[in-house]
Amino acid sequence: MGGIGKTTLARIAYTQTSPHFECKTFLADVRVVSDKCGLVFLQKQLLSQILLDEYFNFFNVHEGNAIISHRLSSKKVLIVLDDVDNIQHLKCLVGNRDWFGLGSRIIVTTRDEHLLRSDRVDDVYKPTTLNPNDALRLFNLKAFGSDTTLKDDFIELSKRIVHYAGGLPLALEVLGSFLCGRDVAQWRSAIERLKRNSSKEILDRLRIS
């Protein structure tokens, strides 16, 4: 599911574990970058972020594969590929296990679990939506700057909006930010608009996912 927090979790894992690796890279928005710039661009990005201050000049993915597997085969690397939607992304960026040194780790975020299974990953973690209490805390942080509702008038309205968001972190963040600083009447109006699916400012941002 889009907006459930895959990228956020991957960034936390990357931040916490990166000190244990001599080389690391976080390739964000792989799907978008691949569509706009191509796989060769992504291969060069991966290499330049791991092998700092080096310039790579190749023009097709086969050359890129050879360079990645040759230059990184003895290095313990941490690589995060965020938002992968094509098996070619995996084949051209992280290829085979022997492309990287002992102890290396590859983290992939994707909406397509079959893609991971087909590439024989070691483990798959499925994020879940937030429970009602955590969902309310996240919403309050965005709406009030605190993990608790600060004004009695907003308590019931907050619960209604959290129910509407269904525990989806992105929806909670967007809705909380949208309603931050608005009065009770504006909150009620927003809820009615959400029910009618006509709140364009909110829904357009949620359509990212």
N, C-alpha and C. Protein backbone atom coordinates (compact mmCIF):
# COMPACT_ATOMS: atom_id res chain seq x y z
N MET A 1 0.83 -1.19 0.00
CA MET A 1 0.00 0.00 0.00
C MET A 1 0.88 1.25 0.00
N GLY A 2 0.53 2.20 -0.84
CA GLY A 2 1.25 3.45 -0.84
C GLY A 2 0.94 4.26 0.41
N GLY A 3 1.95 4.97 0.93
CA GLY A 3 1.75 5.85 2.07
C GLY A 3 1.74 5.15 3.41
N ILE A 4 2.11 3.88 3.44
CA ILE A 4 2.04 3.13 4.69
C ILE A 4 3.32 3.27 5.51
N GLY A 5 4.38 3.83 4.90
CA GLY A 5 5.59 4.11 5.67
C GLY A 5 6.80 3.29 5.28
N LYS A 6 6.80 2.68 4.09
CA LYS A 6 7.93 1.84 3.66
C LYS A 6 9.22 2.64 3.60
N THR A 7 9.17 3.80 2.96
CA THR A 7 10.37 4.63 2.82
C THR A 7 10.85 5.13 4.17
N THR A 8 9.93 5.53 5.03
CA THR A 8 10.30 6.01 6.36
C THR A 8 11.03 4.93 7.14
N LEU A 9 10.51 3.70 7.11
CA LEU A 9 11.16 2.60 7.81
C LEU A 9 12.54 2.31 7.22
N ALA A 10 12.63 2.36 5.89
CA ALA A 10 13.92 2.09 5.24
C ALA A 10 14.95 3.15 5.63
N ARG A 11 14.53 4.41 5.72
CA ARG A 11 15.46 5.48 6.12
C ARG A 11 15.94 5.29 7.56
N ILE A 12 15.04 4.86 8.43
CA ILE A 12 15.44 4.61 9.82
C ILE A 12 16.45 3.46 9.88
N ALA A 13 16.15 2.38 9.15
CA ALA A 13 17.08 1.24 9.13
C ALA A 13 18.43 1.66 8.57
N TYR A 14 18.41 2.48 7.52
CA TYR A 14 19.66 2.96 6.90
C TYR A 14 20.46 3.81 7.89
N THR A 15 19.79 4.73 8.56
CA THR A 15 20.47 5.62 9.50
C THR A 15 21.08 4.84 10.67
N GLN A 16 20.33 3.86 11.16
CA GLN A 16 20.79 3.13 12.34
C GLN A 16 21.91 2.15 12.03
N THR A 17 21.92 1.59 10.82
CA THR A 17 22.91 0.55 10.51
C THR A 17 24.09 1.04 9.70
N SER A 18 23.99 2.21 9.07
CA SER A 18 25.06 2.67 8.18
C SER A 18 26.43 2.80 8.84
N PRO A 19 26.53 3.12 10.16
CA PRO A 19 27.87 3.19 10.76
C PRO A 19 28.64 1.87 10.71
N HIS A 20 27.95 0.77 10.48
CA HIS A 20 28.59 -0.55 10.48
C HIS A 20 29.10 -0.96 9.08
N PHE A 21 28.96 -0.06 8.11
CA PHE A 21 29.36 -0.39 6.74
C PHE A 21 30.37 0.62 6.23
N GLU A 22 31.38 0.13 5.51
CA GLU A 22 32.38 1.03 4.96
C GLU A 22 31.85 1.82 3.77
N CYS A 23 30.86 1.26 3.09
CA CYS A 23 30.28 1.93 1.92
C CYS A 23 28.77 1.83 2.00
N LYS A 24 28.06 2.90 1.65
CA LYS A 24 26.61 2.86 1.71
C LYS A 24 26.00 3.87 0.75
N THR A 25 24.75 3.58 0.36
CA THR A 25 24.01 4.51 -0.47
C THR A 25 22.51 4.27 -0.30
N PHE A 26 21.75 5.34 -0.33
CA PHE A 26 20.28 5.28 -0.30
C PHE A 26 19.80 5.85 -1.63
N LEU A 27 19.33 4.96 -2.51
CA LEU A 27 18.82 5.42 -3.81
C LEU A 27 17.31 5.62 -3.69
N ALA A 28 16.90 6.88 -3.61
CA ALA A 28 15.49 7.21 -3.42
C ALA A 28 14.74 7.25 -4.75
N ASP A 29 13.46 6.95 -4.70
CA ASP A 29 12.56 7.10 -5.86
C ASP A 29 13.10 6.40 -7.09
N VAL A 30 13.51 5.15 -6.94
CA VAL A 30 14.10 4.41 -8.06
C VAL A 30 13.16 4.37 -9.26
N ARG A 31 11.90 4.13 -9.01
CA ARG A 31 10.93 4.05 -10.12
C ARG A 31 10.88 5.34 -10.92
N VAL A 32 10.77 6.47 -10.22
CA VAL A 32 10.67 7.76 -10.89
C VAL A 32 11.96 8.12 -11.61
N VAL A 33 13.10 7.93 -10.93
CA VAL A 33 14.39 8.27 -11.53
C VAL A 33 14.66 7.40 -12.75
N SER A 34 14.30 6.12 -12.66
CA SER A 34 14.49 5.22 -13.80
C SER A 34 13.67 5.67 -15.00
N ASP A 35 12.41 6.04 -14.76
CA ASP A 35 11.55 6.50 -15.86
C ASP A 35 12.07 7.78 -16.50
N LYS A 36 12.62 8.68 -15.69
CA LYS A 36 13.07 9.97 -16.20
C LYS A 36 14.48 9.93 -16.78
N CYS A 37 15.37 9.19 -16.12
CA CYS A 37 16.79 9.27 -16.46
C CYS A 37 17.40 7.96 -16.95
N GLY A 38 16.73 6.84 -16.71
CA GLY A 38 17.22 5.57 -17.19
C GLY A 38 18.05 4.80 -16.17
N LEU A 39 18.26 3.52 -16.47
CA LEU A 39 18.97 2.63 -15.56
C LEU A 39 20.46 2.96 -15.47
N VAL A 40 21.06 3.39 -16.57
CA VAL A 40 22.48 3.72 -16.55
C VAL A 40 22.73 4.86 -15.57
N PHE A 41 21.85 5.84 -15.56
CA PHE A 41 21.98 6.96 -14.61
C PHE A 41 21.96 6.43 -13.18
N LEU A 42 21.06 5.49 -12.88
CA LEU A 42 20.97 4.93 -11.54
C LEU A 42 22.24 4.15 -11.18
N GLN A 43 22.78 3.41 -12.16
CA GLN A 43 24.02 2.68 -11.89
C GLN A 43 25.16 3.64 -11.55
N LYS A 44 25.26 4.72 -12.30
CA LYS A 44 26.30 5.72 -12.03
C LYS A 44 26.08 6.37 -10.66
N GLN A 45 24.82 6.62 -10.33
CA GLN A 45 24.50 7.22 -9.03
C GLN A 45 24.93 6.29 -7.90
N LEU A 46 24.63 5.01 -8.04
CA LEU A 46 25.01 4.04 -7.02
C LEU A 46 26.53 4.01 -6.84
N LEU A 47 27.25 3.93 -7.94
CA LEU A 47 28.72 3.86 -7.87
C LEU A 47 29.33 5.13 -7.29
N SER A 48 28.83 6.28 -7.73
CA SER A 48 29.44 7.54 -7.29
C SER A 48 29.17 7.83 -5.82
N GLN A 49 28.04 7.33 -5.29
CA GLN A 49 27.75 7.52 -3.88
C GLN A 49 28.53 6.57 -2.98
N ILE A 50 28.92 5.42 -3.53
CA ILE A 50 29.70 4.46 -2.76
C ILE A 50 31.20 4.72 -2.90
N LEU A 51 31.63 4.95 -4.14
CA LEU A 51 33.05 5.22 -4.41
C LEU A 51 33.19 6.73 -4.63
N LEU A 52 33.26 7.44 -3.55
CA LEU A 52 33.24 8.90 -3.59
C LEU A 52 34.41 9.45 -4.38
N ASP A 53 34.18 10.60 -5.03
CA ASP A 53 35.20 11.33 -5.77
C ASP A 53 35.68 10.60 -7.03
N GLU A 54 34.96 9.56 -7.44
CA GLU A 54 35.32 8.89 -8.69
C GLU A 54 34.26 9.21 -9.74
N TYR A 55 34.72 9.25 -11.00
CA TYR A 55 33.82 9.55 -12.11
C TYR A 55 33.68 8.30 -12.97
N PHE A 56 32.45 7.99 -13.35
CA PHE A 56 32.19 6.78 -14.12
C PHE A 56 31.57 7.16 -15.46
N ASN A 57 32.17 6.65 -16.50
CA ASN A 57 31.75 7.02 -17.85
C ASN A 57 31.47 5.75 -18.65
N PHE A 58 30.24 5.29 -18.59
CA PHE A 58 29.81 4.15 -19.40
C PHE A 58 28.43 4.44 -19.94
N PHE A 59 28.00 3.66 -20.93
CA PHE A 59 26.82 4.06 -21.69
C PHE A 59 25.74 2.99 -21.81
N ASN A 60 25.95 1.81 -21.22
CA ASN A 60 24.89 0.80 -21.25
C ASN A 60 24.93 0.00 -19.96
N VAL A 61 23.82 -0.67 -19.66
CA VAL A 61 23.68 -1.35 -18.38
C VAL A 61 24.65 -2.52 -18.24
N HIS A 62 25.04 -3.14 -19.35
CA HIS A 62 25.95 -4.27 -19.27
C HIS A 62 27.33 -3.83 -18.76
N GLU A 63 27.79 -2.68 -19.25
CA GLU A 63 29.03 -2.12 -18.72
C GLU A 63 28.86 -1.78 -17.25
N GLY A 64 27.73 -1.19 -16.92
CA GLY A 64 27.46 -0.84 -15.53
C GLY A 64 27.48 -2.06 -14.62
N ASN A 65 26.84 -3.15 -15.07
CA ASN A 65 26.85 -4.38 -14.29
C ASN A 65 28.27 -4.85 -14.01
N ALA A 66 29.10 -4.83 -15.06
CA ALA A 66 30.47 -5.31 -14.92
C ALA A 66 31.27 -4.45 -13.94
N ILE A 67 31.07 -3.14 -14.01
CA ILE A 67 31.81 -2.23 -13.13
C ILE A 67 31.36 -2.40 -11.68
N ILE A 68 30.04 -2.47 -11.46
CA ILE A 68 29.52 -2.64 -10.10
C ILE A 68 30.05 -3.93 -9.49
N SER A 69 29.93 -5.04 -10.23
CA SER A 69 30.35 -6.33 -9.69
C SER A 69 31.86 -6.39 -9.46
N HIS A 70 32.63 -5.71 -10.29
CA HIS A 70 34.09 -5.72 -10.14
C HIS A 70 34.56 -4.82 -9.01
N ARG A 71 34.02 -3.61 -8.94
CA ARG A 71 34.52 -2.63 -7.99
C ARG A 71 34.01 -2.84 -6.57
N LEU A 72 32.87 -3.50 -6.42
CA LEU A 72 32.26 -3.62 -5.10
C LEU A 72 32.32 -5.03 -4.52
N SER A 73 32.90 -5.97 -5.25
CA SER A 73 32.89 -7.37 -4.82
C SER A 73 33.67 -7.62 -3.54
N SER A 74 34.56 -6.73 -3.19
CA SER A 74 35.35 -6.92 -1.97
C SER A 74 34.94 -5.95 -0.86
N LYS A 75 33.87 -5.20 -1.07
CA LYS A 75 33.46 -4.18 -0.10
C LYS A 75 32.17 -4.60 0.62
N LYS A 76 32.14 -4.32 1.91
CA LYS A 76 30.93 -4.53 2.71
C LYS A 76 30.05 -3.31 2.56
N VAL A 77 28.95 -3.47 1.83
CA VAL A 77 28.14 -2.32 1.46
C VAL A 77 26.73 -2.43 2.05
N LEU A 78 26.13 -1.27 2.25
CA LEU A 78 24.72 -1.16 2.60
C LEU A 78 24.04 -0.37 1.49
N ILE A 79 23.08 -0.99 0.83
CA ILE A 79 22.38 -0.34 -0.27
C ILE A 79 20.88 -0.39 -0.02
N VAL A 80 20.24 0.76 -0.11
CA VAL A 80 18.78 0.83 -0.04
C VAL A 80 18.26 1.26 -1.41
N LEU A 81 17.39 0.45 -1.97
CA LEU A 81 16.70 0.80 -3.21
C LEU A 81 15.25 1.10 -2.86
N ASP A 82 14.86 2.35 -2.96
CA ASP A 82 13.53 2.78 -2.52
C ASP A 82 12.57 2.89 -3.69
N ASP A 83 11.41 2.27 -3.57
CA ASP A 83 10.33 2.32 -4.56
C ASP A 83 10.73 1.66 -5.87
N VAL A 84 11.02 0.38 -5.78
CA VAL A 84 11.35 -0.44 -6.96
C VAL A 84 10.06 -1.03 -7.51
N ASP A 85 9.89 -1.00 -8.82
CA ASP A 85 8.68 -1.60 -9.40
C ASP A 85 8.97 -2.47 -10.62
N ASN A 86 10.24 -2.77 -10.86
CA ASN A 86 10.62 -3.54 -12.04
C ASN A 86 11.79 -4.44 -11.69
N ILE A 87 11.74 -5.69 -12.10
CA ILE A 87 12.82 -6.62 -11.80
C ILE A 87 14.15 -6.16 -12.39
N GLN A 88 14.10 -5.36 -13.47
CA GLN A 88 15.33 -4.85 -14.07
C GLN A 88 16.07 -3.90 -13.12
N HIS A 89 15.33 -3.23 -12.27
CA HIS A 89 15.98 -2.37 -11.28
C HIS A 89 16.92 -3.19 -10.41
N LEU A 90 16.43 -4.34 -9.98
CA LEU A 90 17.24 -5.20 -9.12
C LEU A 90 18.40 -5.83 -9.89
N LYS A 91 18.12 -6.30 -11.10
CA LYS A 91 19.17 -6.96 -11.88
C LYS A 91 20.31 -6.02 -12.25
N CYS A 92 19.97 -4.76 -12.50
CA CYS A 92 21.00 -3.82 -12.97
C CYS A 92 21.69 -3.06 -11.84
N LEU A 93 21.11 -3.09 -10.65
CA LEU A 93 21.71 -2.32 -9.55
C LEU A 93 22.34 -3.21 -8.48
N VAL A 94 21.72 -4.34 -8.18
CA VAL A 94 22.28 -5.21 -7.15
C VAL A 94 22.51 -6.63 -7.63
N GLY A 95 22.12 -6.95 -8.85
CA GLY A 95 22.47 -8.19 -9.53
C GLY A 95 22.53 -9.43 -8.67
N ASN A 96 23.70 -10.05 -8.61
CA ASN A 96 23.90 -11.27 -7.85
C ASN A 96 24.56 -10.96 -6.50
N ARG A 97 24.44 -11.91 -5.60
CA ARG A 97 25.00 -11.71 -4.26
C ARG A 97 26.52 -11.55 -4.30
N ASP A 98 27.18 -12.22 -5.27
CA ASP A 98 28.64 -12.12 -5.32
C ASP A 98 29.14 -10.79 -5.88
N TRP A 99 28.22 -9.87 -6.22
CA TRP A 99 28.63 -8.53 -6.63
C TRP A 99 29.21 -7.75 -5.45
N PHE A 100 28.89 -8.17 -4.22
CA PHE A 100 29.25 -7.40 -3.03
C PHE A 100 29.97 -8.27 -2.02
N GLY A 101 30.74 -7.61 -1.15
CA GLY A 101 31.54 -8.33 -0.18
C GLY A 101 30.73 -8.96 0.93
N LEU A 102 31.40 -9.80 1.69
CA LEU A 102 30.77 -10.51 2.81
C LEU A 102 30.21 -9.51 3.82
N GLY A 103 29.00 -9.78 4.29
CA GLY A 103 28.36 -8.93 5.28
C GLY A 103 27.55 -7.79 4.69
N SER A 104 27.50 -7.68 3.38
CA SER A 104 26.73 -6.61 2.73
C SER A 104 25.24 -6.82 2.97
N ARG A 105 24.48 -5.72 2.91
CA ARG A 105 23.03 -5.79 3.08
C ARG A 105 22.35 -4.94 2.02
N ILE A 106 21.29 -5.50 1.45
CA ILE A 106 20.48 -4.79 0.46
C ILE A 106 19.06 -4.69 1.00
N ILE A 107 18.53 -3.48 1.07
CA ILE A 107 17.15 -3.25 1.51
C ILE A 107 16.37 -2.69 0.32
N VAL A 108 15.22 -3.27 0.04
CA VAL A 108 14.40 -2.86 -1.10
C VAL A 108 13.01 -2.52 -0.61
N THR A 109 12.48 -1.36 -1.00
CA THR A 109 11.07 -1.07 -0.75
C THR A 109 10.32 -1.15 -2.07
N THR A 110 9.15 -1.75 -2.02
CA THR A 110 8.33 -1.92 -3.22
C THR A 110 6.90 -2.19 -2.81
N ARG A 111 5.99 -1.95 -3.73
CA ARG A 111 4.59 -2.32 -3.51
C ARG A 111 4.29 -3.70 -4.09
N ASP A 112 5.27 -4.29 -4.78
CA ASP A 112 5.08 -5.55 -5.50
C ASP A 112 5.83 -6.66 -4.79
N GLU A 113 5.14 -7.39 -3.92
CA GLU A 113 5.82 -8.45 -3.17
C GLU A 113 6.32 -9.56 -4.10
N HIS A 114 5.60 -9.82 -5.18
CA HIS A 114 6.02 -10.86 -6.12
C HIS A 114 7.40 -10.57 -6.69
N LEU A 115 7.69 -9.29 -6.90
CA LEU A 115 8.99 -8.89 -7.42
C LEU A 115 10.10 -9.34 -6.47
N LEU A 116 9.86 -9.22 -5.17
CA LEU A 116 10.85 -9.66 -4.19
C LEU A 116 10.99 -11.17 -4.17
N ARG A 117 9.86 -11.85 -4.22
CA ARG A 117 9.89 -13.31 -4.20
C ARG A 117 10.63 -13.86 -5.42
N SER A 118 10.41 -13.23 -6.57
CA SER A 118 11.05 -13.72 -7.78
C SER A 118 12.55 -13.53 -7.76
N ASP A 119 13.02 -12.58 -6.94
CA ASP A 119 14.46 -12.35 -6.84
C ASP A 119 15.07 -13.06 -5.63
N ARG A 120 14.28 -13.93 -4.99
CA ARG A 120 14.76 -14.79 -3.91
C ARG A 120 15.40 -13.98 -2.78
N VAL A 121 14.68 -13.01 -2.29
CA VAL A 121 15.17 -12.23 -1.15
C VAL A 121 15.14 -13.10 0.10
N ASP A 122 15.96 -12.72 1.09
CA ASP A 122 16.04 -13.52 2.32
C ASP A 122 14.82 -13.34 3.20
N ASP A 123 14.26 -12.14 3.23
CA ASP A 123 13.15 -11.89 4.14
C ASP A 123 12.29 -10.75 3.61
N VAL A 124 11.01 -10.80 3.90
CA VAL A 124 10.08 -9.75 3.50
C VAL A 124 9.35 -9.24 4.74
N TYR A 125 9.35 -7.93 4.91
CA TYR A 125 8.61 -7.32 6.00
C TYR A 125 7.46 -6.51 5.42
N LYS A 126 6.25 -6.76 5.91
CA LYS A 126 5.07 -6.04 5.43
C LYS A 126 4.64 -5.03 6.50
N PRO A 127 4.80 -3.74 6.23
CA PRO A 127 4.31 -2.73 7.19
C PRO A 127 2.79 -2.80 7.28
N THR A 128 2.28 -2.46 8.45
CA THR A 128 0.83 -2.45 8.64
C THR A 128 0.39 -1.02 8.97
N THR A 129 -0.90 -0.77 8.83
CA THR A 129 -1.44 0.53 9.21
C THR A 129 -1.34 0.69 10.73
N LEU A 130 -1.43 1.92 11.18
CA LEU A 130 -1.28 2.21 12.61
C LEU A 130 -2.55 1.83 13.38
N ASN A 131 -2.34 1.40 14.61
CA ASN A 131 -3.51 1.15 15.45
C ASN A 131 -4.14 2.50 15.82
N PRO A 132 -5.39 2.51 16.31
CA PRO A 132 -6.08 3.78 16.55
C PRO A 132 -5.33 4.74 17.48
N ASN A 133 -4.69 4.22 18.52
CA ASN A 133 -3.98 5.11 19.45
C ASN A 133 -2.77 5.77 18.79
N ASP A 134 -1.97 4.97 18.10
CA ASP A 134 -0.79 5.54 17.42
C ASP A 134 -1.21 6.46 16.29
N ALA A 135 -2.29 6.10 15.60
CA ALA A 135 -2.78 6.95 14.52
C ALA A 135 -3.19 8.33 15.05
N LEU A 136 -3.86 8.34 16.20
CA LEU A 136 -4.29 9.61 16.80
C LEU A 136 -3.08 10.43 17.24
N ARG A 137 -2.07 9.77 17.78
CA ARG A 137 -0.85 10.48 18.20
C ARG A 137 -0.16 11.13 17.00
N LEU A 138 -0.03 10.39 15.88
CA LEU A 138 0.61 10.94 14.69
C LEU A 138 -0.19 12.12 14.14
N PHE A 139 -1.51 11.96 14.08
CA PHE A 139 -2.36 13.05 13.59
C PHE A 139 -2.20 14.30 14.46
N ASN A 140 -2.22 14.10 15.78
CA ASN A 140 -2.10 15.24 16.70
C ASN A 140 -0.75 15.95 16.54
N LEU A 141 0.31 15.19 16.32
CA LEU A 141 1.62 15.81 16.11
C LEU A 141 1.59 16.78 14.93
N LYS A 142 0.89 16.39 13.88
CA LYS A 142 0.82 17.23 12.69
C LYS A 142 -0.18 18.37 12.84
N ALA A 143 -1.27 18.10 13.54
CA ALA A 143 -2.33 19.10 13.65
C ALA A 143 -2.07 20.11 14.77
N PHE A 144 -1.43 19.65 15.87
CA PHE A 144 -1.27 20.51 17.04
C PHE A 144 0.17 20.67 17.50
N GLY A 145 1.09 19.93 16.89
CA GLY A 145 2.48 20.00 17.33
C GLY A 145 2.74 19.25 18.62
N SER A 146 1.78 18.42 19.03
CA SER A 146 1.90 17.62 20.25
C SER A 146 1.20 16.30 19.98
N ASP A 147 1.61 15.24 20.70
CA ASP A 147 0.97 13.94 20.44
C ASP A 147 -0.36 13.78 21.19
N THR A 148 -0.84 14.85 21.81
CA THR A 148 -2.16 14.84 22.42
C THR A 148 -2.98 16.01 21.88
N THR A 149 -4.30 15.84 21.87
CA THR A 149 -5.18 16.91 21.43
C THR A 149 -5.19 18.02 22.48
N LEU A 150 -4.88 19.24 22.06
CA LEU A 150 -4.70 20.33 23.02
C LEU A 150 -5.99 21.04 23.40
N LYS A 151 -7.01 20.93 22.56
CA LYS A 151 -8.25 21.67 22.82
C LYS A 151 -9.43 20.70 22.80
N ASP A 152 -10.31 20.82 23.84
CA ASP A 152 -11.44 19.91 23.97
C ASP A 152 -12.34 19.91 22.74
N ASP A 153 -12.51 21.08 22.13
CA ASP A 153 -13.41 21.20 20.98
C ASP A 153 -12.97 20.30 19.82
N PHE A 154 -11.70 19.92 19.79
CA PHE A 154 -11.17 19.19 18.65
C PHE A 154 -11.06 17.68 18.90
N ILE A 155 -11.34 17.23 20.13
CA ILE A 155 -11.13 15.82 20.46
C ILE A 155 -11.97 14.90 19.58
N GLU A 156 -13.28 15.14 19.55
CA GLU A 156 -14.15 14.28 18.77
C GLU A 156 -13.88 14.42 17.27
N LEU A 157 -13.61 15.64 16.82
CA LEU A 157 -13.30 15.85 15.41
C LEU A 157 -12.02 15.11 15.02
N SER A 158 -11.03 15.13 15.89
CA SER A 158 -9.78 14.43 15.62
C SER A 158 -10.03 12.94 15.45
N LYS A 159 -10.85 12.37 16.33
CA LYS A 159 -11.15 10.94 16.25
C LYS A 159 -11.87 10.60 14.95
N ARG A 160 -12.75 11.49 14.50
CA ARG A 160 -13.47 11.23 13.24
C ARG A 160 -12.51 11.24 12.06
N ILE A 161 -11.57 12.17 12.06
CA ILE A 161 -10.62 12.26 10.95
C ILE A 161 -9.67 11.06 10.96
N VAL A 162 -9.23 10.66 12.16
CA VAL A 162 -8.35 9.49 12.27
C VAL A 162 -9.07 8.25 11.76
N HIS A 163 -10.35 8.13 12.08
CA HIS A 163 -11.13 7.00 11.57
C HIS A 163 -11.20 7.04 10.05
N TYR A 164 -11.39 8.22 9.50
CA TYR A 164 -11.45 8.38 8.05
C TYR A 164 -10.13 7.94 7.40
N ALA A 165 -9.00 8.26 8.03
CA ALA A 165 -7.69 7.95 7.45
C ALA A 165 -7.36 6.47 7.50
N GLY A 166 -8.05 5.72 8.35
CA GLY A 166 -7.86 4.27 8.36
C GLY A 166 -6.48 3.81 8.79
N GLY A 167 -5.78 4.61 9.58
CA GLY A 167 -4.47 4.20 10.06
C GLY A 167 -3.34 4.36 9.06
N LEU A 168 -3.61 5.00 7.93
CA LEU A 168 -2.58 5.18 6.90
C LEU A 168 -1.72 6.40 7.26
N PRO A 169 -0.42 6.20 7.52
CA PRO A 169 0.42 7.31 7.99
C PRO A 169 0.42 8.53 7.07
N LEU A 170 0.53 8.32 5.76
CA LEU A 170 0.58 9.48 4.86
C LEU A 170 -0.70 10.29 4.95
N ALA A 171 -1.84 9.61 4.99
CA ALA A 171 -3.12 10.32 5.09
C ALA A 171 -3.20 11.11 6.39
N LEU A 172 -2.74 10.52 7.48
CA LEU A 172 -2.76 11.21 8.77
C LEU A 172 -1.87 12.45 8.75
N GLU A 173 -0.69 12.33 8.14
CA GLU A 173 0.22 13.47 8.08
C GLU A 173 -0.35 14.58 7.20
N VAL A 174 -0.88 14.20 6.05
CA VAL A 174 -1.43 15.21 5.14
C VAL A 174 -2.64 15.91 5.76
N LEU A 175 -3.55 15.13 6.34
CA LEU A 175 -4.75 15.72 6.94
C LEU A 175 -4.39 16.58 8.14
N GLY A 176 -3.47 16.10 8.98
CA GLY A 176 -3.06 16.89 10.14
C GLY A 176 -2.43 18.21 9.74
N SER A 177 -1.54 18.17 8.75
CA SER A 177 -0.88 19.39 8.27
C SER A 177 -1.89 20.34 7.64
N PHE A 178 -2.85 19.78 6.92
CA PHE A 178 -3.87 20.59 6.26
C PHE A 178 -4.74 21.35 7.27
N LEU A 179 -5.05 20.70 8.39
CA LEU A 179 -5.96 21.28 9.37
C LEU A 179 -5.25 22.10 10.45
N CYS A 180 -3.93 22.04 10.48
CA CYS A 180 -3.17 22.75 11.50
C CYS A 180 -3.47 24.26 11.44
N GLY A 181 -3.84 24.85 12.58
CA GLY A 181 -4.10 26.28 12.65
C GLY A 181 -5.49 26.70 12.23
N ARG A 182 -6.33 25.77 11.80
CA ARG A 182 -7.70 26.12 11.37
C ARG A 182 -8.66 25.99 12.56
N ASP A 183 -9.78 26.69 12.47
CA ASP A 183 -10.73 26.67 13.58
C ASP A 183 -11.71 25.50 13.45
N VAL A 184 -12.58 25.35 14.47
CA VAL A 184 -13.50 24.22 14.52
C VAL A 184 -14.42 24.19 13.30
N ALA A 185 -14.92 25.33 12.89
CA ALA A 185 -15.82 25.39 11.74
C ALA A 185 -15.11 24.89 10.48
N GLN A 186 -13.86 25.27 10.32
CA GLN A 186 -13.10 24.82 9.15
C GLN A 186 -12.84 23.32 9.22
N TRP A 187 -12.62 22.80 10.42
CA TRP A 187 -12.45 21.35 10.56
C TRP A 187 -13.73 20.61 10.15
N ARG A 188 -14.87 21.11 10.63
CA ARG A 188 -16.14 20.45 10.29
C ARG A 188 -16.39 20.51 8.79
N SER A 189 -16.07 21.63 8.21
CA SER A 189 -16.23 21.79 6.77
C SER A 189 -15.34 20.81 6.01
N ALA A 190 -14.11 20.66 6.48
CA ALA A 190 -13.17 19.74 5.82
C ALA A 190 -13.67 18.31 5.91
N ILE A 191 -14.22 17.94 7.06
CA ILE A 191 -14.74 16.58 7.22
C ILE A 191 -15.88 16.32 6.26
N GLU A 192 -16.79 17.29 6.11
CA GLU A 192 -17.90 17.13 5.18
C GLU A 192 -17.39 17.01 3.74
N ARG A 193 -16.37 17.80 3.42
CA ARG A 193 -15.80 17.73 2.06
C ARG A 193 -15.12 16.39 1.82
N LEU A 194 -14.46 15.87 2.85
CA LEU A 194 -13.83 14.56 2.72
C LEU A 194 -14.87 13.48 2.47
N LYS A 195 -15.99 13.57 3.15
CA LYS A 195 -17.06 12.59 2.95
C LYS A 195 -17.55 12.59 1.51
N ARG A 196 -17.53 13.79 0.90
CA ARG A 196 -18.02 13.91 -0.48
C ARG A 196 -16.91 13.70 -1.50
N ASN A 197 -15.67 13.40 -1.01
CA ASN A 197 -14.53 13.21 -1.90
C ASN A 197 -14.28 14.43 -2.77
N SER A 198 -14.52 15.62 -2.23
CA SER A 198 -14.37 16.81 -3.06
C SER A 198 -13.32 17.78 -2.52
N SER A 199 -12.57 17.34 -1.51
CA SER A 199 -11.54 18.21 -0.97
C SER A 199 -10.28 18.09 -1.82
N LYS A 200 -10.23 18.86 -2.89
CA LYS A 200 -9.18 18.68 -3.89
C LYS A 200 -7.79 18.89 -3.30
N GLU A 201 -7.62 19.86 -2.44
CA GLU A 201 -6.30 20.17 -1.90
C GLU A 201 -5.73 18.97 -1.13
N ILE A 202 -6.59 18.30 -0.38
CA ILE A 202 -6.16 17.11 0.37
C ILE A 202 -6.01 15.91 -0.54
N LEU A 203 -7.03 15.65 -1.33
CA LEU A 203 -7.04 14.43 -2.12
C LEU A 203 -5.95 14.41 -3.19
N ASP A 204 -5.62 15.56 -3.76
CA ASP A 204 -4.56 15.60 -4.76
C ASP A 204 -3.23 15.17 -4.16
N ARG A 205 -2.99 15.56 -2.92
CA ARG A 205 -1.74 15.16 -2.26
C ARG A 205 -1.76 13.68 -1.92
N LEU A 206 -2.90 13.16 -1.55
CA LEU A 206 -3.00 11.73 -1.23
C LEU A 206 -2.87 10.88 -2.50
N ARG A 207 -3.21 11.44 -3.66
CA ARG A 207 -3.11 10.67 -4.89
C ARG A 207 -1.67 10.36 -5.28
N ILE A 208 -0.72 11.03 -4.62
CA ILE A 208 0.69 10.65 -4.81
C ILE A 208 0.85 9.15 -4.59
N SER A 209 0.07 8.62 -3.67
CA SER A 209 0.13 7.18 -3.38
C SER A 209 -1.01 6.41 -4.03
